[in-house]
N, C-alpha and C. Protein backbone atom coordinates (compact mmCIF):
# COMPACT_ATOMS: atom_id res chain seq x y z
N MET A 1 33.98 147.75 114.71
CA MET A 1 34.31 146.64 113.85
C MET A 1 34.20 145.37 114.70
N LYS A 2 33.43 144.43 114.24
CA LYS A 2 33.21 143.21 115.01
C LYS A 2 33.92 142.04 114.35
N LEU A 3 34.61 141.26 115.16
CA LEU A 3 35.35 140.09 114.69
C LEU A 3 35.00 138.88 115.55
N ARG A 4 35.36 137.71 115.07
CA ARG A 4 35.23 136.47 115.84
C ARG A 4 36.63 135.89 116.02
N PRO A 5 36.87 135.10 117.06
CA PRO A 5 38.22 134.56 117.30
C PRO A 5 38.72 133.66 116.17
N LYS A 6 37.83 132.94 115.51
CA LYS A 6 38.25 132.00 114.45
C LYS A 6 37.99 132.60 113.07
N ILE A 7 38.39 133.85 112.86
CA ILE A 7 38.16 134.54 111.59
C ILE A 7 39.13 134.01 110.53
N ASP A 8 38.64 133.88 109.30
CA ASP A 8 39.46 133.42 108.19
C ASP A 8 40.44 134.53 107.80
N SER A 9 41.56 134.16 107.18
CA SER A 9 42.60 135.14 106.86
C SER A 9 42.09 136.20 105.87
N HIS A 10 41.30 135.81 104.87
CA HIS A 10 40.78 136.80 103.92
C HIS A 10 39.79 137.74 104.59
N ASP A 11 38.95 137.20 105.46
CA ASP A 11 37.99 138.04 106.19
C ASP A 11 38.73 139.02 107.10
N TYR A 12 39.82 138.54 107.71
CA TYR A 12 40.62 139.42 108.56
C TYR A 12 41.20 140.58 107.75
N LEU A 13 41.71 140.29 106.55
CA LEU A 13 42.28 141.34 105.72
C LEU A 13 41.22 142.35 105.31
N THR A 14 40.00 141.88 105.05
CA THR A 14 38.91 142.79 104.70
C THR A 14 38.58 143.72 105.87
N LYS A 15 38.45 143.14 107.06
CA LYS A 15 38.14 143.95 108.25
C LYS A 15 39.28 144.92 108.55
N LYS A 16 40.52 144.47 108.38
CA LYS A 16 41.67 145.34 108.60
C LYS A 16 41.65 146.51 107.63
N GLY A 17 41.25 146.27 106.38
CA GLY A 17 41.13 147.34 105.40
C GLY A 17 40.10 148.37 105.81
N HIS A 18 38.98 147.92 106.40
CA HIS A 18 37.96 148.85 106.88
C HIS A 18 38.51 149.70 108.03
N VAL A 19 39.24 149.07 108.94
CA VAL A 19 39.82 149.80 110.07
C VAL A 19 40.81 150.85 109.55
N GLU A 20 41.64 150.46 108.57
CA GLU A 20 42.60 151.41 108.01
C GLU A 20 41.89 152.59 107.36
N ARG A 21 40.79 152.33 106.65
CA ARG A 21 40.04 153.41 106.00
C ARG A 21 39.48 154.39 107.04
N PHE A 22 38.93 153.86 108.13
CA PHE A 22 38.40 154.74 109.17
C PHE A 22 39.50 155.57 109.80
N LEU A 23 40.66 154.97 110.06
CA LEU A 23 41.76 155.71 110.67
C LEU A 23 42.29 156.80 109.73
N LYS A 24 42.34 156.51 108.43
CA LYS A 24 42.80 157.52 107.47
C LYS A 24 41.84 158.70 107.41
N GLN A 25 40.56 158.47 107.68
CA GLN A 25 39.58 159.55 107.70
C GLN A 25 39.63 160.34 109.01
N GLY A 26 40.43 159.86 109.97
CA GLY A 26 40.57 160.56 111.24
C GLY A 26 39.59 160.10 112.30
N ASP A 27 38.95 158.95 112.10
CA ASP A 27 37.96 158.44 113.06
C ASP A 27 38.58 157.41 113.99
N LYS A 28 38.04 157.33 115.19
CA LYS A 28 38.43 156.26 116.11
C LYS A 28 37.69 154.99 115.72
N VAL A 29 38.26 153.84 116.09
CA VAL A 29 37.64 152.56 115.76
C VAL A 29 37.55 151.72 117.02
N LYS A 30 36.36 151.22 117.30
CA LYS A 30 36.15 150.30 118.42
C LYS A 30 36.10 148.89 117.83
N VAL A 31 37.06 148.06 118.21
CA VAL A 31 37.15 146.70 117.69
C VAL A 31 36.62 145.76 118.77
N THR A 32 35.65 144.92 118.40
CA THR A 32 35.02 143.99 119.34
C THR A 32 35.23 142.57 118.86
N ILE A 33 35.73 141.71 119.75
CA ILE A 33 35.82 140.28 119.49
C ILE A 33 34.64 139.63 120.20
N MET A 34 33.79 138.94 119.45
CA MET A 34 32.61 138.30 120.03
C MET A 34 32.90 136.82 120.27
N PHE A 35 32.76 136.37 121.50
CA PHE A 35 32.97 134.98 121.86
C PHE A 35 31.63 134.27 121.98
N ARG A 36 31.58 133.03 121.50
CA ARG A 36 30.36 132.24 121.62
C ARG A 36 30.72 130.86 122.16
N GLY A 37 29.86 130.34 123.01
CA GLY A 37 30.01 128.97 123.50
C GLY A 37 31.34 128.73 124.20
N ARG A 38 32.04 127.71 123.74
CA ARG A 38 33.31 127.32 124.36
C ARG A 38 34.44 128.30 124.08
N GLU A 39 34.25 129.20 123.13
CA GLU A 39 35.28 130.20 122.84
C GLU A 39 35.51 131.11 124.05
N GLN A 40 34.51 131.22 124.92
CA GLN A 40 34.63 132.09 126.09
C GLN A 40 35.70 131.61 127.06
N SER A 41 36.01 130.32 127.00
CA SER A 41 37.04 129.79 127.90
C SER A 41 38.44 130.03 127.36
N ARG A 42 38.58 130.63 126.16
CA ARG A 42 39.89 130.89 125.56
C ARG A 42 40.04 132.37 125.18
N PRO A 43 40.01 133.27 126.16
CA PRO A 43 40.11 134.70 125.83
C PRO A 43 41.46 135.08 125.22
N GLU A 44 42.49 134.25 125.42
CA GLU A 44 43.80 134.58 124.85
C GLU A 44 43.78 134.58 123.33
N LEU A 45 42.85 133.83 122.71
CA LEU A 45 42.73 133.85 121.25
C LEU A 45 42.30 135.23 120.77
N GLY A 46 41.32 135.81 121.44
CA GLY A 46 40.87 137.15 121.09
C GLY A 46 41.94 138.20 121.36
N PHE A 47 42.66 138.04 122.48
CA PHE A 47 43.71 138.98 122.82
C PHE A 47 44.81 138.96 121.75
N ARG A 48 45.19 137.76 121.29
CA ARG A 48 46.21 137.65 120.25
C ARG A 48 45.75 138.28 118.94
N LEU A 49 44.47 138.10 118.61
CA LEU A 49 43.93 138.68 117.38
C LEU A 49 43.96 140.21 117.45
N LEU A 50 43.59 140.78 118.59
CA LEU A 50 43.62 142.23 118.75
C LEU A 50 45.05 142.76 118.70
N GLN A 51 45.99 142.03 119.30
CA GLN A 51 47.39 142.45 119.25
C GLN A 51 47.91 142.42 117.81
N ARG A 52 47.51 141.40 117.06
CA ARG A 52 47.92 141.29 115.65
C ARG A 52 47.37 142.48 114.86
N LEU A 53 46.12 142.83 115.09
CA LEU A 53 45.52 143.97 114.40
C LEU A 53 46.24 145.27 114.78
N ALA A 54 46.54 145.43 116.06
CA ALA A 54 47.24 146.63 116.52
C ALA A 54 48.62 146.75 115.87
N ASP A 55 49.31 145.62 115.72
CA ASP A 55 50.62 145.64 115.06
C ASP A 55 50.50 145.97 113.58
N ASP A 56 49.45 145.46 112.93
CA ASP A 56 49.27 145.67 111.49
C ASP A 56 48.93 147.13 111.16
N ILE A 57 48.25 147.83 112.05
CA ILE A 57 47.84 149.21 111.77
C ILE A 57 48.66 150.23 112.56
N GLN A 58 49.80 149.82 113.03
CA GLN A 58 50.64 150.66 113.90
C GLN A 58 51.02 151.99 113.25
N GLU A 59 51.24 152.01 111.93
CA GLU A 59 51.65 153.25 111.27
C GLU A 59 50.50 154.24 111.12
N LEU A 60 49.24 153.77 111.20
CA LEU A 60 48.09 154.65 111.04
C LEU A 60 47.49 155.12 112.35
N GLY A 61 47.60 154.30 113.40
CA GLY A 61 46.96 154.65 114.66
C GLY A 61 47.62 153.97 115.84
N PHE A 62 47.09 154.27 117.02
CA PHE A 62 47.62 153.68 118.24
C PHE A 62 46.46 153.16 119.09
N VAL A 63 46.77 152.27 120.01
CA VAL A 63 45.75 151.70 120.88
C VAL A 63 45.44 152.69 121.98
N GLU A 64 44.23 153.22 121.95
CA GLU A 64 43.81 154.20 122.95
C GLU A 64 43.33 153.50 124.22
N ALA A 65 42.58 152.41 124.06
CA ALA A 65 42.10 151.62 125.20
C ALA A 65 42.52 150.17 124.95
N SER A 66 43.36 149.65 125.83
CA SER A 66 43.87 148.30 125.64
C SER A 66 42.75 147.27 125.72
N PRO A 67 42.97 146.07 125.17
CA PRO A 67 41.92 145.05 125.16
C PRO A 67 41.48 144.67 126.57
N LYS A 68 40.16 144.61 126.74
CA LYS A 68 39.62 144.18 128.03
C LYS A 68 38.38 143.34 127.79
N GLN A 69 38.18 142.37 128.65
CA GLN A 69 37.04 141.46 128.56
C GLN A 69 35.81 142.15 129.14
N ASP A 70 34.71 142.07 128.39
CA ASP A 70 33.45 142.67 128.83
C ASP A 70 32.35 141.65 128.57
N GLY A 71 32.14 140.74 129.52
CA GLY A 71 31.15 139.69 129.33
C GLY A 71 31.58 138.73 128.24
N ARG A 72 30.76 138.60 127.21
CA ARG A 72 31.09 137.72 126.08
C ARG A 72 31.98 138.38 125.05
N ASN A 73 32.29 139.63 125.22
CA ASN A 73 33.06 140.39 124.23
C ASN A 73 34.38 140.86 124.80
N MET A 74 35.34 141.09 123.91
CA MET A 74 36.61 141.73 124.25
C MET A 74 36.70 142.98 123.39
N ILE A 75 36.99 144.12 124.01
CA ILE A 75 36.92 145.41 123.33
C ILE A 75 38.27 146.12 123.36
N MET A 76 38.61 146.77 122.24
CA MET A 76 39.81 147.58 122.14
C MET A 76 39.45 148.82 121.30
N VAL A 77 39.97 149.98 121.67
CA VAL A 77 39.72 151.21 120.91
C VAL A 77 41.04 151.66 120.30
N VAL A 78 40.99 151.96 119.00
CA VAL A 78 42.17 152.43 118.26
C VAL A 78 41.87 153.84 117.77
N ALA A 79 42.81 154.75 117.97
CA ALA A 79 42.66 156.13 117.53
C ALA A 79 43.74 156.47 116.51
N PRO A 80 43.45 157.37 115.58
CA PRO A 80 44.46 157.75 114.58
C PRO A 80 45.54 158.61 115.24
N HIS A 81 46.73 158.60 114.62
CA HIS A 81 47.78 159.49 115.09
C HIS A 81 47.34 160.93 114.86
N ARG A 82 47.86 161.86 115.63
CA ARG A 82 47.43 163.26 115.55
C ARG A 82 47.71 163.86 114.18
N SER A 83 48.78 163.46 113.52
CA SER A 83 49.12 164.07 112.23
C SER A 83 48.06 163.77 111.17
N THR A 84 47.36 162.63 111.29
CA THR A 84 46.33 162.31 110.30
C THR A 84 44.99 162.93 110.68
N LYS A 85 44.83 163.28 111.94
CA LYS A 85 43.53 163.76 112.41
C LYS A 85 43.41 165.28 112.32
N ILE A 86 44.47 166.02 112.55
CA ILE A 86 44.42 167.48 112.61
C ILE A 86 44.81 168.05 111.26
N THR A 87 44.01 168.96 110.76
CA THR A 87 44.37 169.67 109.54
C THR A 87 45.12 170.93 109.93
N ARG A 88 46.17 171.22 109.22
CA ARG A 88 47.02 172.38 109.54
C ARG A 88 46.35 173.66 109.08
N VAL A 89 46.38 174.68 109.91
CA VAL A 89 45.83 175.99 109.58
C VAL A 89 46.99 176.96 109.51
N SER A 90 47.06 177.72 108.42
CA SER A 90 48.14 178.68 108.24
C SER A 90 47.87 179.91 109.10
N HIS A 91 48.87 180.31 109.89
CA HIS A 91 48.74 181.49 110.73
C HIS A 91 49.16 182.76 109.99
N ASP A 92 49.67 182.63 108.76
CA ASP A 92 50.11 183.78 107.97
C ASP A 92 48.97 184.38 107.16
N ALA A 93 47.82 183.77 107.15
CA ALA A 93 46.69 184.26 106.36
C ALA A 93 46.17 185.56 106.97
N PRO A 94 45.75 186.51 106.14
CA PRO A 94 45.23 187.77 106.68
C PRO A 94 43.91 187.55 107.40
N ALA A 95 43.65 188.41 108.38
CA ALA A 95 42.40 188.31 109.15
C ALA A 95 41.25 188.75 108.27
N PRO A 96 40.06 188.20 108.47
CA PRO A 96 38.91 188.61 107.67
C PRO A 96 38.57 190.07 107.98
N PRO A 97 38.05 190.81 106.99
CA PRO A 97 37.77 192.23 107.22
C PRO A 97 36.64 192.41 108.24
N ALA A 98 36.77 193.46 109.05
CA ALA A 98 35.76 193.76 110.07
C ALA A 98 34.53 194.32 109.37
N SER A 99 33.37 194.03 109.90
CA SER A 99 32.14 194.54 109.30
C SER A 99 31.97 196.03 109.67
N ASP A 100 31.35 196.78 108.77
CA ASP A 100 31.16 198.21 108.96
C ASP A 100 29.82 198.53 109.64
N ALA A 101 29.11 197.53 110.08
CA ALA A 101 27.80 197.74 110.69
C ALA A 101 27.98 198.33 112.09
N PRO A 102 27.10 199.30 112.46
CA PRO A 102 27.20 199.89 113.81
C PRO A 102 26.80 198.86 114.86
N GLN A 103 27.34 199.04 116.04
CA GLN A 103 27.06 198.07 117.10
C GLN A 103 26.11 198.57 118.12
């Protein structure tokens, strides 16, 4: 998911909805803040935006890789909580029947 430091509030809500959808499906999300021109001299704006996103999606996932500057971009990886990612398998189910074919 790619964002800019000066993102509008409605655009932010749209991107946040996409991140929530991916986390509900059990996928990891790589969030990238792209800096251009003079925005590169203010990395704290991108850091605050990523922190805000992490706080907003806290119930669905956690920050797997904290925000770090990578050239013109700042990157953060968010992973879903284990309960949303793993499907439960019942251990009480009978074992499948063995085949009667000779070995």
